[in-house]
PDB file of N, CA and C in Angstrom:
ATOM      1  N   MET A   1     189.758  43.521  29.091  1.00  0.00           N
ATOM      2  CA  MET A   1     191.082  44.081  28.937  1.00  0.00           C
ATOM      3  C   MET A   1     191.044  45.081  27.789  1.00  0.00           C
ATOM      4  N   GLU A   2     191.718  46.202  27.997  1.00  0.00           N
ATOM      5  CA  GLU A   2     191.805  47.227  26.955  1.00  0.00           C
ATOM      6  C   GLU A   2     193.261  47.391  26.544  1.00  0.00           C
ATOM      7  N   ILE A   3     193.511  47.273  25.252  1.00  0.00           N
ATOM      8  CA  ILE A   3     194.859  47.432  24.708  1.00  0.00           C
ATOM      9  C   ILE A   3     194.829  48.603  23.735  1.00  0.00           C
ATOM     10  N   ILE A   4     195.743  49.550  23.945  1.00  0.00           N
ATOM     11  CA  ILE A   4     195.836  50.719  23.072  1.00  0.00           C
ATOM     12  C   ILE A   4     197.217  50.755  22.457  1.00  0.00           C
ATOM     13  N   ILE A   5     197.253  50.943  21.145  1.00  0.00           N
ATOM     14  CA  ILE A   5     198.517  51.099  20.441  1.00  0.00           C
ATOM     15  C   ILE A   5     198.726  52.594  20.239  1.00  0.00           C
ATOM     16  N   LEU A   6     199.800  53.116  20.801  1.00  0.00           N
ATOM     17  CA  LEU A   6     200.118  54.530  20.649  1.00  0.00           C
ATOM     18  C   LEU A   6     201.058  54.697  19.474  1.00  0.00           C
ATOM     19  N   GLY A   7     200.722  55.602  18.575  1.00  0.00           N
ATOM     20  CA  GLY A   7     201.570  55.860  17.421  1.00  0.00           C
ATOM     21  C   GLY A   7     200.953  56.891  16.521  1.00  0.00           C
ATOM     22  N   THR A   8     201.788  57.530  15.731  1.00  0.00           N
ATOM     23  CA  THR A   8     201.331  58.622  14.875  1.00  0.00           C
ATOM     24  C   THR A   8     200.894  58.170  13.494  1.00  0.00           C
ATOM     25  N   GLY A   9     200.861  56.876  13.255  1.00  0.00           N
ATOM     26  CA  GLY A   9     200.416  56.372  11.958  1.00  0.00           C
ATOM     27  C   GLY A   9     201.540  55.917  11.062  1.00  0.00           C
ATOM     28  N   CYS A  10     202.747  55.813  11.603  1.00  0.00           N
ATOM     29  CA  CYS A  10     203.888  55.362  10.797  1.00  0.00           C
ATOM     30  C   CYS A  10     203.787  53.851  10.534  1.00  0.00           C
ATOM     31  N   ALA A  11     204.657  53.345   9.708  1.00  0.00           N
ATOM     32  CA  ALA A  11     204.629  51.924   9.348  1.00  0.00           C
ATOM     33  C   ALA A  11     204.839  51.026  10.567  1.00  0.00           C
ATOM     34  N   LYS A  12     205.753  51.395  11.470  1.00  0.00           N
ATOM     35  CA  LYS A  12     205.999  50.573  12.665  1.00  0.00           C
ATOM     36  C   LYS A  12     204.768  50.548  13.565  1.00  0.00           C
ATOM     37  N   CYS A  13     204.083  51.670  13.650  1.00  0.00           N
ATOM     38  CA  CYS A  13     202.879  51.740  14.489  1.00  0.00           C
ATOM     39  C   CYS A  13     201.774  50.852  13.908  1.00  0.00           C
ATOM     40  N   LYS A  14     201.623  50.889  12.607  1.00  0.00           N
ATOM     41  CA  LYS A  14     200.613  50.061  11.948  1.00  0.00           C
ATOM     42  C   LYS A  14     200.946  48.579  12.088  1.00  0.00           C
ATOM     43  N   THR A  15     202.219  48.234  11.961  1.00  0.00           N
ATOM     44  CA  THR A  15     202.639  46.843  12.115  1.00  0.00           C
ATOM     45  C   THR A  15     202.386  46.367  13.545  1.00  0.00           C
ATOM     46  N   THR A  16     202.682  47.213  14.516  1.00  0.00           N
ATOM     47  CA  THR A  16     202.434  46.862  15.918  1.00  0.00           C
ATOM     48  C   THR A  16     200.959  46.591  16.147  1.00  0.00           C
ATOM     49  N   PHE A  17     200.093  47.440  15.597  1.00  0.00           N
ATOM     50  CA  PHE A  17     198.648  47.248  15.719  1.00  0.00           C
ATOM     51  C   PHE A  17     198.241  45.908  15.133  1.00  0.00           C
ATOM     52  N   ASP A  18     198.766  45.583  13.957  1.00  0.00           N
ATOM     53  CA  ASP A  18     198.434  44.310  13.303  1.00  0.00           C
ATOM     54  C   ASP A  18     198.908  43.110  14.129  1.00  0.00           C
ATOM     55  N   VAL A  19     200.113  43.199  14.692  1.00  0.00           N
ATOM     56  CA  VAL A  19     200.653  42.104  15.503  1.00  0.00           C
ATOM     57  C   VAL A  19     199.774  41.884  16.732  1.00  0.00           C
ATOM     58  N   VAL A  20     199.417  42.973  17.415  1.00  0.00           N
ATOM     59  CA  VAL A  20     198.606  42.850  18.626  1.00  0.00           C
ATOM     60  C   VAL A  20     197.231  42.281  18.294  1.00  0.00           C
ATOM     61  N   GLN A  21     196.616  42.778  17.226  1.00  0.00           N
ATOM     62  CA  GLN A  21     195.306  42.246  16.828  1.00  0.00           C
ATOM     63  C   GLN A  21     195.387  40.756  16.523  1.00  0.00           C
ATOM     64  N   SER A  22     196.425  40.343  15.857  1.00  0.00           N
ATOM     65  CA  SER A  22     196.608  38.936  15.510  1.00  0.00           C
ATOM     66  C   SER A  22     196.744  38.073  16.758  1.00  0.00           C
ATOM     67  N   VAL A  23     197.532  38.526  17.725  1.00  0.00           N
ATOM     68  CA  VAL A  23     197.728  37.765  18.957  1.00  0.00           C
ATOM     69  C   VAL A  23     196.414  37.647  19.724  1.00  0.00           C
ATOM     70  N   VAL A  24     195.671  38.727  19.815  1.00  0.00           N
ATOM     71  CA  VAL A  24     194.392  38.704  20.536  1.00  0.00           C
ATOM     72  C   VAL A  24     193.427  37.741  19.850  1.00  0.00           C
ATOM     73  N   ALA A  25     193.358  37.794  18.533  1.00  0.00           N
ATOM     74  CA  ALA A  25     192.453  36.910  17.791  1.00  0.00           C
ATOM     75  C   ALA A  25     192.860  35.442  17.934  1.00  0.00           C
ATOM     76  N   ASP A  26     194.156  35.166  17.819  1.00  0.00           N
ATOM     77  CA  ASP A  26     194.643  33.791  17.885  1.00  0.00           C
ATOM     78  C   ASP A  26     194.531  33.188  19.280  1.00  0.00           C
ATOM     79  N   SER A  27     194.681  34.015  20.307  1.00  0.00           N
ATOM     80  CA  SER A  27     194.693  33.494  21.677  1.00  0.00           C
ATOM     81  C   SER A  27     193.300  33.382  22.287  1.00  0.00           C
ATOM     82  N   GLY A  28     192.323  34.071  21.692  1.00  0.00           N
ATOM     83  CA  GLY A  28     190.968  34.023  22.220  1.00  0.00           C
ATOM     84  C   GLY A  28     190.771  34.860  23.477  1.00  0.00           C
ATOM     85  N   ILE A  29     191.730  35.710  23.779  1.00  0.00           N
ATOM     86  CA  ILE A  29     191.629  36.582  24.951  1.00  0.00           C
ATOM     87  C   ILE A  29     190.609  37.674  24.665  1.00  0.00           C
ATOM     88  N   GLY A  30     189.737  37.915  25.633  1.00  0.00           N
ATOM     89  CA  GLY A  30     188.730  38.954  25.471  1.00  0.00           C
ATOM     90  C   GLY A  30     189.328  40.325  25.697  1.00  0.00           C
ATOM     91  N   ALA A  31     189.710  40.984  24.637  1.00  0.00           N
ATOM     92  CA  ALA A  31     190.335  42.300  24.753  1.00  0.00           C
ATOM     93  C   ALA A  31     189.885  43.177  23.598  1.00  0.00           C
ATOM     94  N   THR A  32     189.800  44.464  23.869  1.00  0.00           N
ATOM     95  CA  THR A  32     189.553  45.423  22.794  1.00  0.00           C
ATOM     96  C   THR A  32     190.883  46.049  22.425  1.00  0.00           C
ATOM     97  N   VAL A  33     191.126  46.168  21.138  1.00  0.00           N
ATOM     98  CA  VAL A  33     192.372  46.752  20.647  1.00  0.00           C
ATOM     99  C   VAL A  33     192.025  48.010  19.874  1.00  0.00           C
ATOM    100  N   SER A  34     192.661  49.118  20.252  1.00  0.00           N
ATOM    101  CA  SER A  34     192.408  50.381  19.558  1.00  0.00           C
ATOM    102  C   SER A  34     193.728  51.103  19.317  1.00  0.00           C
ATOM    103  N   LYS A  35     193.663  52.116  18.446  1.00  0.00           N
ATOM    104  CA  LYS A  35     194.842  52.919  18.133  1.00  0.00           C
ATOM    105  C   LYS A  35     194.615  54.332  18.640  1.00  0.00           C
ATOM    106  N   GLU A  36     195.678  54.942  19.141  1.00  0.00           N
ATOM    107  CA  GLU A  36     195.632  56.349  19.523  1.00  0.00           C
ATOM    108  C   GLU A  36     196.702  57.077  18.730  1.00  0.00           C
ATOM    109  N   GLU A  37     196.270  57.963  17.833  1.00  0.00           N
ATOM    110  CA  GLU A  37     197.202  58.684  16.980  1.00  0.00           C
ATOM    111  C   GLU A  37     197.289  60.172  17.324  1.00  0.00           C
ATOM    112  N   ASP A  38     196.469  60.633  18.252  1.00  0.00           N
ATOM    113  CA  ASP A  38     196.473  62.042  18.659  1.00  0.00           C
ATOM    114  C   ASP A  38     197.673  62.288  19.571  1.00  0.00           C
ATOM    115  N   ILE A  39     198.602  63.125  19.112  1.00  0.00           N
ATOM    116  CA  ILE A  39     199.842  63.357  19.849  1.00  0.00           C
ATOM    117  C   ILE A  39     199.583  63.928  21.236  1.00  0.00           C
ATOM    118  N   LEU A  40     198.533  64.715  21.402  1.00  0.00           N
ATOM    119  CA  LEU A  40     198.219  65.273  22.711  1.00  0.00           C
ATOM    120  C   LEU A  40     197.786  64.187  23.697  1.00  0.00           C
ATOM    121  N   GLU A  41     197.114  63.159  23.206  1.00  0.00           N
ATOM    122  CA  GLU A  41     196.746  62.024  24.054  1.00  0.00           C
ATOM    123  C   GLU A  41     197.960  61.139  24.343  1.00  0.00           C
ATOM    124  N   ILE A  42     198.810  60.959  23.345  1.00  0.00           N
ATOM    125  CA  ILE A  42     200.003  60.122  23.503  1.00  0.00           C
ATOM    126  C   ILE A  42     200.934  60.711  24.563  1.00  0.00           C
ATOM    127  N   VAL A  43     201.070  62.033  24.573  1.00  0.00           N
ATOM    128  CA  VAL A  43     201.954  62.712  25.528  1.00  0.00           C
ATOM    129  C   VAL A  43     201.534  62.427  26.969  1.00  0.00           C
ATOM    130  N   LYS A  44     200.273  62.191  27.204  1.00  0.00           N
ATOM    131  CA  LYS A  44     199.777  61.915  28.561  1.00  0.00           C
ATOM    132  C   LYS A  44     200.378  60.639  29.147  1.00  0.00           C
ATOM    133  N   TYR A  45     200.893  59.762  28.305  1.00  0.00           N
ATOM    134  CA  TYR A  45     201.497  58.521  28.789  1.00  0.00           C
ATOM    135  C   TYR A  45     202.968  58.694  29.163  1.00  0.00           C
ATOM    136  N   ASN A  46     203.500  59.890  28.955  1.00  0.00           N
ATOM    137  CA  ASN A  46     204.861  60.235  29.368  1.00  0.00           C
ATOM    138  C   ASN A  46     205.919  59.303  28.775  1.00  0.00           C
ATOM    139  N   ILE A  47     205.813  59.060  27.485  1.00  0.00           N
ATOM    140  CA  ILE A  47     206.808  58.240  26.789  1.00  0.00           C
ATOM    141  C   ILE A  47     207.425  59.068  25.672  1.00  0.00           C
ATOM    142  N   MET A  48     208.640  58.706  25.286  1.00  0.00           N
ATOM    143  CA  MET A  48     209.348  59.465  24.265  1.00  0.00           C
ATOM    144  C   MET A  48     209.572  58.675  22.980  1.00  0.00           C
ATOM    145  N   SER A  49     209.257  57.393  22.981  1.00  0.00           N
ATOM    146  CA  SER A  49     209.502  56.595  21.785  1.00  0.00           C
ATOM    147  C   SER A  49     208.258  55.796  21.422  1.00  0.00           C
ATOM    148  N   LEU A  50     207.985  55.760  20.138  1.00  0.00           N
ATOM    149  CA  LEU A  50     206.815  55.063  19.612  1.00  0.00           C
ATOM    150  C   LEU A  50     207.276  53.985  18.648  1.00  0.00           C
ATOM    151  N   PRO A  51     206.475  52.991  18.406  1.00  0.00           N
ATOM    152  CA  PRO A  51     205.140  52.728  18.928  1.00  0.00           C
ATOM    153  C   PRO A  51     205.196  52.248  20.376  1.00  0.00           C
ATOM    154  N   ALA A  52     204.031  52.251  21.016  1.00  0.00           N
ATOM    155  CA  ALA A  52     203.930  51.758  22.384  1.00  0.00           C
ATOM    156  C   ALA A  52     202.647  50.943  22.519  1.00  0.00           C
ATOM    157  N   VAL A  53     202.684  49.969  23.401  1.00  0.00           N
ATOM    158  CA  VAL A  53     201.524  49.126  23.681  1.00  0.00           C
ATOM    159  C   VAL A  53     201.111  49.372  25.130  1.00  0.00           C
ATOM    160  N   VAL A  54     199.867  49.806  25.313  1.00  0.00           N
ATOM    161  CA  VAL A  54     199.333  50.096  26.638  1.00  0.00           C
ATOM    162  C   VAL A  54     198.279  49.037  26.957  1.00  0.00           C
ATOM    163  N   VAL A  55     198.443  48.364  28.098  1.00  0.00           N
ATOM    164  CA  VAL A  55     197.495  47.337  28.527  1.00  0.00           C
ATOM    165  C   VAL A  55     196.847  47.819  29.821  1.00  0.00           C
ATOM    166  N   ASP A  56     195.539  48.010  29.764  1.00  0.00           N
ATOM    167  CA  ASP A  56     194.776  48.485  30.923  1.00  0.00           C
ATOM    168  C   ASP A  56     195.420  49.706  31.580  1.00  0.00           C
ATOM    169  N   GLY A  57     195.824  50.672  30.751  1.00  0.00           N
ATOM    170  CA  GLY A  57     196.349  51.938  31.249  1.00  0.00           C
ATOM    171  C   GLY A  57     197.828  51.963  31.575  1.00  0.00           C
ATOM    172  N   GLU A  58     198.522  50.836  31.454  1.00  0.00           N
ATOM    173  CA  GLU A  58     199.944  50.765  31.783  1.00  0.00           C
ATOM    174  C   GLU A  58     200.766  50.472  30.531  1.00  0.00           C
ATOM    175  N   VAL A  59     201.792  51.293  30.284  1.00  0.00           N
ATOM    176  CA  VAL A  59     202.667  51.089  29.127  1.00  0.00           C
ATOM    177  C   VAL A  59     203.496  49.839  29.376  1.00  0.00           C
ATOM    178  N   LYS A  60     203.363  48.867  28.482  1.00  0.00           N
ATOM    179  CA  LYS A  60     204.068  47.588  28.627  1.00  0.00           C
ATOM    180  C   LYS A  60     205.237  47.444  27.652  1.00  0.00           C
ATOM    181  N   ILE A  61     205.082  48.010  26.445  1.00  0.00           N
ATOM    182  CA  ILE A  61     206.115  47.901  25.413  1.00  0.00           C
ATOM    183  C   ILE A  61     206.228  49.275  24.772  1.00  0.00           C
ATOM    184  N   LYS A  62     207.465  49.733  24.522  1.00  0.00           N
ATOM    185  CA  LYS A  62     207.620  51.019  23.851  1.00  0.00           C
ATOM    186  C   LYS A  62     208.902  51.064  23.042  1.00  0.00           C
ATOM    187  N   GLY A  63     208.819  51.752  21.911  1.00  0.00           N
ATOM    188  CA  GLY A  63     210.000  52.031  21.112  1.00  0.00           C
ATOM    189  C   GLY A  63     210.344  51.062  20.009  1.00  0.00           C
ATOM    190  N   TYR A  64     209.586  49.976  19.860  1.00  0.00           N
ATOM    191  CA  TYR A  64     209.891  49.007  18.804  1.00  0.00           C
ATOM    192  C   TYR A  64     208.652  48.173  18.494  1.00  0.00           C
ATOM    193  N   VAL A  65     208.712  47.465  17.374  1.00  0.00           N
ATOM    194  CA  VAL A  65     207.621  46.568  17.004  1.00  0.00           C
ATOM    195  C   VAL A  65     207.841  45.248  17.736  1.00  0.00           C
ATOM    196  N   PRO A  66     206.914  44.864  18.616  1.00  0.00           N
ATOM    197  CA  PRO A  66     207.101  43.632  19.384  1.00  0.00           C
ATOM    198  C   PRO A  66     206.798  42.388  18.556  1.00  0.00           C
ATOM    199  N   THR A  67     207.352  41.266  18.996  1.00  0.00           N
ATOM    200  CA  THR A  67     207.022  39.986  18.375  1.00  0.00           C
ATOM    201  C   THR A  67     205.699  39.497  18.953  1.00  0.00           C
ATOM    202  N   LYS A  68     205.122  38.504  18.316  1.00  0.00           N
ATOM    203  CA  LYS A  68     203.873  37.929  18.827  1.00  0.00           C
ATOM    204  C   LYS A  68     204.081  37.335  20.218  1.00  0.00           C
ATOM    205  N   ASP A  69     205.219  36.711  20.456  1.00  0.00           N
ATOM    206  CA  ASP A  69     205.503  36.129  21.766  1.00  0.00           C
ATOM    207  C   ASP A  69     205.577  37.202  22.852  1.00  0.00           C
ATOM    208  N   GLU A  70     206.200  38.337  22.531  1.00  0.00           N
ATOM    209  CA  GLU A  70     206.293  39.426  23.508  1.00  0.00           C
ATOM    210  C   GLU A  70     204.912  39.971  23.849  1.00  0.00           C
ATOM    211  N   VAL A  71     204.082  40.125  22.850  1.00  0.00           N
ATOM    212  CA  VAL A  71     202.726  40.619  23.081  1.00  0.00           C
ATOM    213  C   VAL A  71     201.948  39.626  23.943  1.00  0.00           C
ATOM    214  N   LEU A  72     202.047  38.365  23.619  1.00  0.00           N
ATOM    215  CA  LEU A  72     201.345  37.332  24.380  1.00  0.00           C
ATOM    216  C   LEU A  72     201.759  37.350  25.856  1.00  0.00           C
ATOM    217  N   LYS A  73     203.039  37.546  26.123  1.00  0.00           N
ATOM    218  CA  LYS A  73     203.530  37.597  27.503  1.00  0.00           C
ATOM    219  C   LYS A  73     202.903  38.758  28.273  1.00  0.00           C
ATOM    220  N   VAL A  74     202.823  39.931  27.663  1.00  0.00           N
ATOM    221  CA  VAL A  74     202.315  41.087  28.409  1.00  0.00           C
ATOM    222  C   VAL A  74     200.808  41.085  28.566  1.00  0.00           C
ATOM    223  N   ILE A  75     200.087  40.369  27.707  1.00  0.00           N
ATOM    224  CA  ILE A  75     198.632  40.368  27.860  1.00  0.00           C
ATOM    225  C   ILE A  75     198.117  39.165  28.658  1.00  0.00           C
ATOM    226  N   THR A  76     198.992  38.217  28.957  1.00  0.00           N
ATOM    227  CA  THR A  76     198.545  37.067  29.729  1.00  0.00           C
ATOM    228  C   THR A  76     199.086  37.073  31.159  1.00  0.00           C
ATOM    229  N   VAL A  77     199.823  38.093  31.522  1.00  0.00           N
ATOM    230  CA  VAL A  77     200.380  38.180  32.895  1.00  0.00           C
ATOM    231  C   VAL A  77     199.355  38.770  33.818  1.00  0.00           C
TER     232      VAL A  77
END
């Protein structure tokens, strides 16, 4: 599983990255977590609000910092 956090480096984007990394580590799910801060790459996902969480190429969460429970739901479905 590939998880990408889309964001320009703001505090909410960094917090989202930390939350997702924590959930992946705690749950033992085999996933790679990366950040995408290049605005030209972010635009390709056709979203207008950041941060966003992309799971295997599909935007699952956008526009706010998710809770650990929300992240767990989208990566275990």
